[in-house]
Protein backbone atom coordinates (compact mmCIF):
# COMPACT_ATOMS: atom_id res chain seq x y z
CA UNK A 1 0.00 0.00 0.00
CA UNK A 2 2.88 2.39 0.71
CA UNK A 3 3.91 2.10 -2.96
CA UNK A 4 0.51 3.29 -4.20
CA UNK A 5 0.64 6.24 -1.80
CA UNK A 6 4.20 7.09 -2.79
CA UNK A 7 3.18 6.89 -6.46
CA UNK A 8 0.22 9.19 -5.76
CA UNK A 9 2.48 11.71 -4.01
CA UNK A 10 4.89 11.68 -6.98
CA UNK A 11 1.94 12.45 -9.32
CA UNK A 12 0.87 15.26 -6.97
CA UNK A 13 4.43 16.69 -6.96
CA UNK A 14 4.51 16.55 -10.78
CA UNK A 15 1.21 18.45 -10.95
CA UNK A 16 2.55 21.09 -8.53
CA UNK A 17 5.80 21.40 -10.50
CA UNK A 18 3.87 21.85 -13.77
CA UNK A 19 1.28 24.19 -12.25
CA UNK A 20 -1.34 21.82 -13.65
CA UNK A 21 -4.62 22.97 -12.08
CA UNK A 22 -6.62 20.30 -13.93
CA UNK A 23 -4.44 17.47 -12.59
CA UNK A 24 -4.57 18.95 -9.09
CA UNK A 25 -8.36 19.07 -9.41
CA UNK A 26 -8.38 15.31 -9.96
CA UNK A 27 -5.93 14.58 -7.12
CA UNK A 28 -7.60 16.69 -4.42
CA UNK A 29 -10.84 15.86 -2.62
CA UNK A 30 -13.75 18.25 -3.16
CA UNK A 31 -13.40 19.48 0.44
CA UNK A 32 -9.58 19.76 0.33
CA UNK A 33 -7.87 22.34 2.55
CA UNK A 34 -4.23 23.31 2.03
CA UNK A 35 -2.28 25.12 4.75
CA UNK A 36 0.70 27.02 3.36
CA UNK A 37 4.00 27.64 5.15
CA UNK A 38 2.85 31.08 6.30
CA UNK A 39 -0.32 29.66 7.87
CA UNK A 40 -2.84 30.61 5.17
CA UNK A 41 -5.66 28.13 4.45
CA UNK A 42 -6.95 27.58 0.92
CA UNK A 43 -9.84 25.44 -0.33
CA UNK A 44 -9.44 23.24 -3.39
CA UNK A 45 -10.20 25.82 -6.10
CA UNK A 46 -7.91 28.45 -4.59
CA UNK A 47 -5.11 25.91 -4.03
CA UNK A 48 -5.22 24.72 -7.64
CA UNK A 49 -5.62 28.31 -8.90
CA UNK A 50 -2.60 29.75 -7.07
CA UNK A 51 -0.40 28.68 -10.00
CA UNK A 52 -2.26 31.20 -12.18
CA UNK A 53 -1.97 33.94 -9.57
CA UNK A 54 1.78 34.40 -9.19
CA UNK A 55 3.21 31.03 -8.09
CA UNK A 56 5.79 29.45 -10.41
CA UNK A 57 7.94 26.39 -9.75
CA UNK A 58 11.11 25.62 -11.70
CA UNK A 59 11.58 22.46 -9.61
CA UNK A 60 9.39 20.62 -7.12
CA UNK A 61 10.27 17.22 -5.69
CA UNK A 62 9.10 15.15 -2.75
CA UNK A 63 11.21 12.69 -0.75
CA UNK A 64 11.84 11.42 2.79
CA UNK A 65 8.27 10.08 2.66
CA UNK A 66 7.04 8.29 5.78
CA UNK A 67 3.59 6.73 5.53
CA UNK A 68 1.14 5.49 8.14
CA UNK A 69 -2.17 3.99 7.04
CA UNK A 70 -5.43 3.67 8.95
CA UNK A 71 -7.81 1.77 6.69
CA UNK A 72 -8.94 4.20 3.98
CA UNK A 73 -6.92 7.07 5.49
CA UNK A 74 -3.17 7.63 5.21
CA UNK A 75 -0.87 10.19 6.79
CA UNK A 76 2.35 10.90 4.90
CA UNK A 77 5.08 13.15 6.29
CA UNK A 78 7.64 14.22 3.70
CA UNK A 79 10.12 16.83 2.58
CA UNK A 80 9.34 19.01 -0.43
CA UNK A 81 12.33 20.54 -2.19
CA UNK A 82 11.59 23.29 -4.65
CA UNK A 83 12.80 26.27 -6.64
CA UNK A 84 10.48 28.96 -7.83
CA UNK A 85 8.82 32.27 -7.11
CA UNK A 86 5.63 33.50 -5.50
CA UNK A 87 4.60 37.00 -6.57
CA UNK A 88 8.18 37.74 -7.64
CA UNK A 89 9.83 36.46 -4.44
CA UNK A 90 11.85 33.26 -4.16
CA UNK A 91 10.00 30.44 -2.40
CA UNK A 92 11.75 28.59 0.45
CA UNK A 93 13.95 25.76 -0.75
CA UNK A 94 12.64 23.10 1.63
CA UNK A 95 9.38 22.40 3.42
CA UNK A 96 8.27 19.65 5.77
CA UNK A 97 4.78 18.54 4.73
CA UNK A 98 1.99 16.48 6.22
CA UNK A 99 -0.41 14.96 3.70
CA UNK A 100 -3.76 13.48 4.73
CA UNK A 101 -4.99 11.11 2.04
CA UNK A 102 -8.30 9.25 1.75
CA UNK A 103 -9.22 6.36 -0.48
CA UNK A 104 -12.34 7.21 -2.49
CA UNK A 105 -13.78 4.82 -5.06
CA UNK A 106 -10.56 2.78 -4.90
CA UNK A 107 -8.22 5.75 -5.52
CA UNK A 108 -6.12 7.85 -3.16
CA UNK A 109 -6.91 11.57 -3.06
CA UNK A 110 -5.40 14.37 -1.04
CA UNK A 111 -7.84 15.71 1.59
CA UNK A 112 -5.50 18.07 3.42
CA UNK A 113 -1.94 19.32 3.26
CA UNK A 114 0.07 21.27 5.81
CA UNK A 115 3.38 22.86 4.84
CA UNK A 116 6.01 24.17 7.23
CA UNK A 117 9.37 25.86 6.72
CA UNK A 118 12.43 23.81 7.64
CA UNK A 119 14.31 26.31 9.77
CA UNK A 120 17.77 27.19 8.57
CA UNK A 121 17.25 26.12 4.95
CA UNK A 122 17.60 28.78 2.22
CA UNK A 123 14.61 31.10 2.18
CA UNK A 124 13.29 30.02 5.58
CA UNK A 125 13.63 31.85 8.86
CA UNK A 126 16.02 30.41 11.45
CA UNK A 127 14.68 28.43 14.38
CA UNK A 128 14.17 30.70 17.38
CA UNK A 129 17.12 30.57 19.76
CA UNK A 130 19.23 28.40 17.46
CA UNK A 131 22.39 29.72 15.86
CA UNK A 132 22.86 28.22 12.37
CA UNK A 133 26.00 26.19 11.85
CA UNK A 134 28.18 27.89 9.28
CA UNK A 135 28.61 26.03 6.04
CA UNK A 136 25.17 24.40 6.13
C-alpha atoms as a PDB file:
ATOM      1  CA  UNK A   1       0.000   0.000   0.000  1.00  0.00           C
ATOM      2  CA  UNK A   2       2.884   2.389   0.708  1.00  0.00           C
ATOM      3  CA  UNK A   3       3.909   2.095  -2.956  1.00  0.00           C
ATOM      4  CA  UNK A   4       0.507   3.291  -4.196  1.00  0.00           C
ATOM      5  CA  UNK A   5       0.641   6.245  -1.795  1.00  0.00           C
ATOM      6  CA  UNK A   6       4.200   7.088  -2.794  1.00  0.00           C
ATOM      7  CA  UNK A   7       3.178   6.894  -6.463  1.00  0.00           C
ATOM      8  CA  UNK A   8       0.219   9.185  -5.757  1.00  0.00           C
ATOM      9  CA  UNK A   9       2.480  11.708  -4.013  1.00  0.00           C
ATOM     10  CA  UNK A  10       4.887  11.680  -6.982  1.00  0.00           C
ATOM     11  CA  UNK A  11       1.941  12.448  -9.319  1.00  0.00           C
ATOM     12  CA  UNK A  12       0.868  15.259  -6.973  1.00  0.00           C
ATOM     13  CA  UNK A  13       4.433  16.692  -6.965  1.00  0.00           C
ATOM     14  CA  UNK A  14       4.511  16.554 -10.779  1.00  0.00           C
ATOM     15  CA  UNK A  15       1.206  18.451 -10.948  1.00  0.00           C
ATOM     16  CA  UNK A  16       2.550  21.086  -8.528  1.00  0.00           C
ATOM     17  CA  UNK A  17       5.800  21.397 -10.501  1.00  0.00           C
ATOM     18  CA  UNK A  18       3.871  21.854 -13.765  1.00  0.00           C
ATOM     19  CA  UNK A  19       1.278  24.193 -12.250  1.00  0.00           C
ATOM     20  CA  UNK A  20      -1.342  21.816 -13.647  1.00  0.00           C
ATOM     21  CA  UNK A  21      -4.621  22.965 -12.076  1.00  0.00           C
ATOM     22  CA  UNK A  22      -6.622  20.301 -13.929  1.00  0.00           C
ATOM     23  CA  UNK A  23      -4.438  17.475 -12.590  1.00  0.00           C
ATOM     24  CA  UNK A  24      -4.570  18.955  -9.085  1.00  0.00           C
ATOM     25  CA  UNK A  25      -8.361  19.066  -9.411  1.00  0.00           C
ATOM     26  CA  UNK A  26      -8.381  15.312  -9.958  1.00  0.00           C
ATOM     27  CA  UNK A  27      -5.927  14.581  -7.122  1.00  0.00           C
ATOM     28  CA  UNK A  28      -7.604  16.688  -4.423  1.00  0.00           C
ATOM     29  CA  UNK A  29     -10.841  15.860  -2.617  1.00  0.00           C
ATOM     30  CA  UNK A  30     -13.746  18.254  -3.164  1.00  0.00           C
ATOM     31  CA  UNK A  31     -13.401  19.484   0.440  1.00  0.00           C
ATOM     32  CA  UNK A  32      -9.576  19.762   0.327  1.00  0.00           C
ATOM     33  CA  UNK A  33      -7.865  22.340   2.545  1.00  0.00           C
ATOM     34  CA  UNK A  34      -4.229  23.309   2.034  1.00  0.00           C
ATOM     35  CA  UNK A  35      -2.276  25.117   4.746  1.00  0.00           C
ATOM     36  CA  UNK A  36       0.699  27.021   3.363  1.00  0.00           C
ATOM     37  CA  UNK A  37       4.001  27.645   5.152  1.00  0.00           C
ATOM     38  CA  UNK A  38       2.849  31.079   6.297  1.00  0.00           C
ATOM     39  CA  UNK A  39      -0.319  29.661   7.872  1.00  0.00           C
ATOM     40  CA  UNK A  40      -2.835  30.609   5.171  1.00  0.00           C
ATOM     41  CA  UNK A  41      -5.656  28.130   4.453  1.00  0.00           C
ATOM     42  CA  UNK A  42      -6.949  27.580   0.924  1.00  0.00           C
ATOM     43  CA  UNK A  43      -9.842  25.438  -0.330  1.00  0.00           C
ATOM     44  CA  UNK A  44      -9.440  23.237  -3.394  1.00  0.00           C
ATOM     45  CA  UNK A  45     -10.203  25.820  -6.095  1.00  0.00           C
ATOM     46  CA  UNK A  46      -7.912  28.453  -4.593  1.00  0.00           C
ATOM     47  CA  UNK A  47      -5.113  25.908  -4.034  1.00  0.00           C
ATOM     48  CA  UNK A  48      -5.225  24.720  -7.639  1.00  0.00           C
ATOM     49  CA  UNK A  49      -5.619  28.306  -8.897  1.00  0.00           C
ATOM     50  CA  UNK A  50      -2.598  29.746  -7.070  1.00  0.00           C
ATOM     51  CA  UNK A  51      -0.398  28.679 -10.004  1.00  0.00           C
ATOM     52  CA  UNK A  52      -2.258  31.195 -12.183  1.00  0.00           C
ATOM     53  CA  UNK A  53      -1.974  33.939  -9.569  1.00  0.00           C
ATOM     54  CA  UNK A  54       1.776  34.403  -9.191  1.00  0.00           C
ATOM     55  CA  UNK A  55       3.211  31.032  -8.086  1.00  0.00           C
ATOM     56  CA  UNK A  56       5.787  29.452 -10.409  1.00  0.00           C
ATOM     57  CA  UNK A  57       7.943  26.393  -9.754  1.00  0.00           C
ATOM     58  CA  UNK A  58      11.113  25.620 -11.697  1.00  0.00           C
ATOM     59  CA  UNK A  59      11.579  22.456  -9.612  1.00  0.00           C
ATOM     60  CA  UNK A  60       9.386  20.622  -7.120  1.00  0.00           C
ATOM     61  CA  UNK A  61      10.267  17.217  -5.691  1.00  0.00           C
ATOM     62  CA  UNK A  62       9.099  15.149  -2.753  1.00  0.00           C
ATOM     63  CA  UNK A  63      11.211  12.691  -0.751  1.00  0.00           C
ATOM     64  CA  UNK A  64      11.836  11.422   2.787  1.00  0.00           C
ATOM     65  CA  UNK A  65       8.269  10.077   2.655  1.00  0.00           C
ATOM     66  CA  UNK A  66       7.043   8.291   5.785  1.00  0.00           C
ATOM     67  CA  UNK A  67       3.587   6.730   5.525  1.00  0.00           C
ATOM     68  CA  UNK A  68       1.138   5.493   8.145  1.00  0.00           C
ATOM     69  CA  UNK A  69      -2.169   3.994   7.042  1.00  0.00           C
ATOM     70  CA  UNK A  70      -5.427   3.666   8.952  1.00  0.00           C
ATOM     71  CA  UNK A  71      -7.809   1.767   6.691  1.00  0.00           C
ATOM     72  CA  UNK A  72      -8.940   4.197   3.985  1.00  0.00           C
ATOM     73  CA  UNK A  73      -6.921   7.072   5.489  1.00  0.00           C
ATOM     74  CA  UNK A  74      -3.171   7.633   5.215  1.00  0.00           C
ATOM     75  CA  UNK A  75      -0.867  10.185   6.788  1.00  0.00           C
ATOM     76  CA  UNK A  76       2.350  10.902   4.901  1.00  0.00           C
ATOM     77  CA  UNK A  77       5.081  13.146   6.287  1.00  0.00           C
ATOM     78  CA  UNK A  78       7.637  14.219   3.698  1.00  0.00           C
ATOM     79  CA  UNK A  79      10.123  16.827   2.577  1.00  0.00           C
ATOM     80  CA  UNK A  80       9.343  19.012  -0.434  1.00  0.00           C
ATOM     81  CA  UNK A  81      12.330  20.536  -2.193  1.00  0.00           C
ATOM     82  CA  UNK A  82      11.585  23.291  -4.651  1.00  0.00           C
ATOM     83  CA  UNK A  83      12.800  26.268  -6.640  1.00  0.00           C
ATOM     84  CA  UNK A  84      10.479  28.964  -7.826  1.00  0.00           C
ATOM     85  CA  UNK A  85       8.820  32.274  -7.106  1.00  0.00           C
ATOM     86  CA  UNK A  86       5.630  33.501  -5.496  1.00  0.00           C
ATOM     87  CA  UNK A  87       4.601  36.997  -6.569  1.00  0.00           C
ATOM     88  CA  UNK A  88       8.176  37.738  -7.642  1.00  0.00           C
ATOM     89  CA  UNK A  89       9.833  36.464  -4.441  1.00  0.00           C
ATOM     90  CA  UNK A  90      11.848  33.258  -4.161  1.00  0.00           C
ATOM     91  CA  UNK A  91      10.004  30.442  -2.396  1.00  0.00           C
ATOM     92  CA  UNK A  92      11.753  28.588   0.445  1.00  0.00           C
ATOM     93  CA  UNK A  93      13.953  25.762  -0.751  1.00  0.00           C
ATOM     94  CA  UNK A  94      12.641  23.099   1.630  1.00  0.00           C
ATOM     95  CA  UNK A  95       9.378  22.396   3.418  1.00  0.00           C
ATOM     96  CA  UNK A  96       8.269  19.652   5.769  1.00  0.00           C
ATOM     97  CA  UNK A  97       4.781  18.540   4.732  1.00  0.00           C
ATOM     98  CA  UNK A  98       1.992  16.480   6.224  1.00  0.00           C
ATOM     99  CA  UNK A  99      -0.412  14.955   3.696  1.00  0.00           C
ATOM    100  CA  UNK A 100      -3.758  13.476   4.728  1.00  0.00           C
ATOM    101  CA  UNK A 101      -4.995  11.112   2.036  1.00  0.00           C
ATOM    102  CA  UNK A 102      -8.296   9.250   1.754  1.00  0.00           C
ATOM    103  CA  UNK A 103      -9.221   6.356  -0.485  1.00  0.00           C
ATOM    104  CA  UNK A 104     -12.344   7.214  -2.490  1.00  0.00           C
ATOM    105  CA  UNK A 105     -13.783   4.818  -5.060  1.00  0.00           C
ATOM    106  CA  UNK A 106     -10.555   2.785  -4.896  1.00  0.00           C
ATOM    107  CA  UNK A 107      -8.221   5.745  -5.518  1.00  0.00           C
ATOM    108  CA  UNK A 108      -6.121   7.846  -3.165  1.00  0.00           C
ATOM    109  CA  UNK A 109      -6.910  11.571  -3.062  1.00  0.00           C
ATOM    110  CA  UNK A 110      -5.399  14.371  -1.038  1.00  0.00           C
ATOM    111  CA  UNK A 111      -7.836  15.711   1.587  1.00  0.00           C
ATOM    112  CA  UNK A 112      -5.497  18.069   3.423  1.00  0.00           C
ATOM    113  CA  UNK A 113      -1.939  19.325   3.258  1.00  0.00           C
ATOM    114  CA  UNK A 114       0.066  21.266   5.811  1.00  0.00           C
ATOM    115  CA  UNK A 115       3.383  22.863   4.836  1.00  0.00           C
ATOM    116  CA  UNK A 116       6.012  24.173   7.235  1.00  0.00           C
ATOM    117  CA  UNK A 117       9.374  25.857   6.721  1.00  0.00           C
ATOM    118  CA  UNK A 118      12.430  23.806   7.637  1.00  0.00           C
ATOM    119  CA  UNK A 119      14.306  26.309   9.770  1.00  0.00           C
ATOM    120  CA  UNK A 120      17.768  27.192   8.573  1.00  0.00           C
ATOM    121  CA  UNK A 121      17.249  26.120   4.950  1.00  0.00           C
ATOM    122  CA  UNK A 122      17.600  28.777   2.223  1.00  0.00           C
ATOM    123  CA  UNK A 123      14.609  31.097   2.185  1.00  0.00           C
ATOM    124  CA  UNK A 124      13.288  30.021   5.581  1.00  0.00           C
ATOM    125  CA  UNK A 125      13.626  31.848   8.862  1.00  0.00           C
ATOM    126  CA  UNK A 126      16.017  30.412  11.452  1.00  0.00           C
ATOM    127  CA  UNK A 127      14.685  28.425  14.383  1.00  0.00           C
ATOM    128  CA  UNK A 128      14.167  30.701  17.379  1.00  0.00           C
ATOM    129  CA  UNK A 129      17.117  30.574  19.763  1.00  0.00           C
ATOM    130  CA  UNK A 130      19.233  28.404  17.456  1.00  0.00           C
ATOM    131  CA  UNK A 131      22.389  29.722  15.862  1.00  0.00           C
ATOM    132  CA  UNK A 132      22.857  28.224  12.374  1.00  0.00           C
ATOM    133  CA  UNK A 133      26.002  26.188  11.854  1.00  0.00           C
ATOM    134  CA  UNK A 134      28.185  27.887   9.284  1.00  0.00           C
ATOM    135  CA  UNK A 135      28.606  26.028   6.036  1.00  0.00           C
ATOM    136  CA  UNK A 136      25.166  24.397   6.131  1.00  0.00           C
END
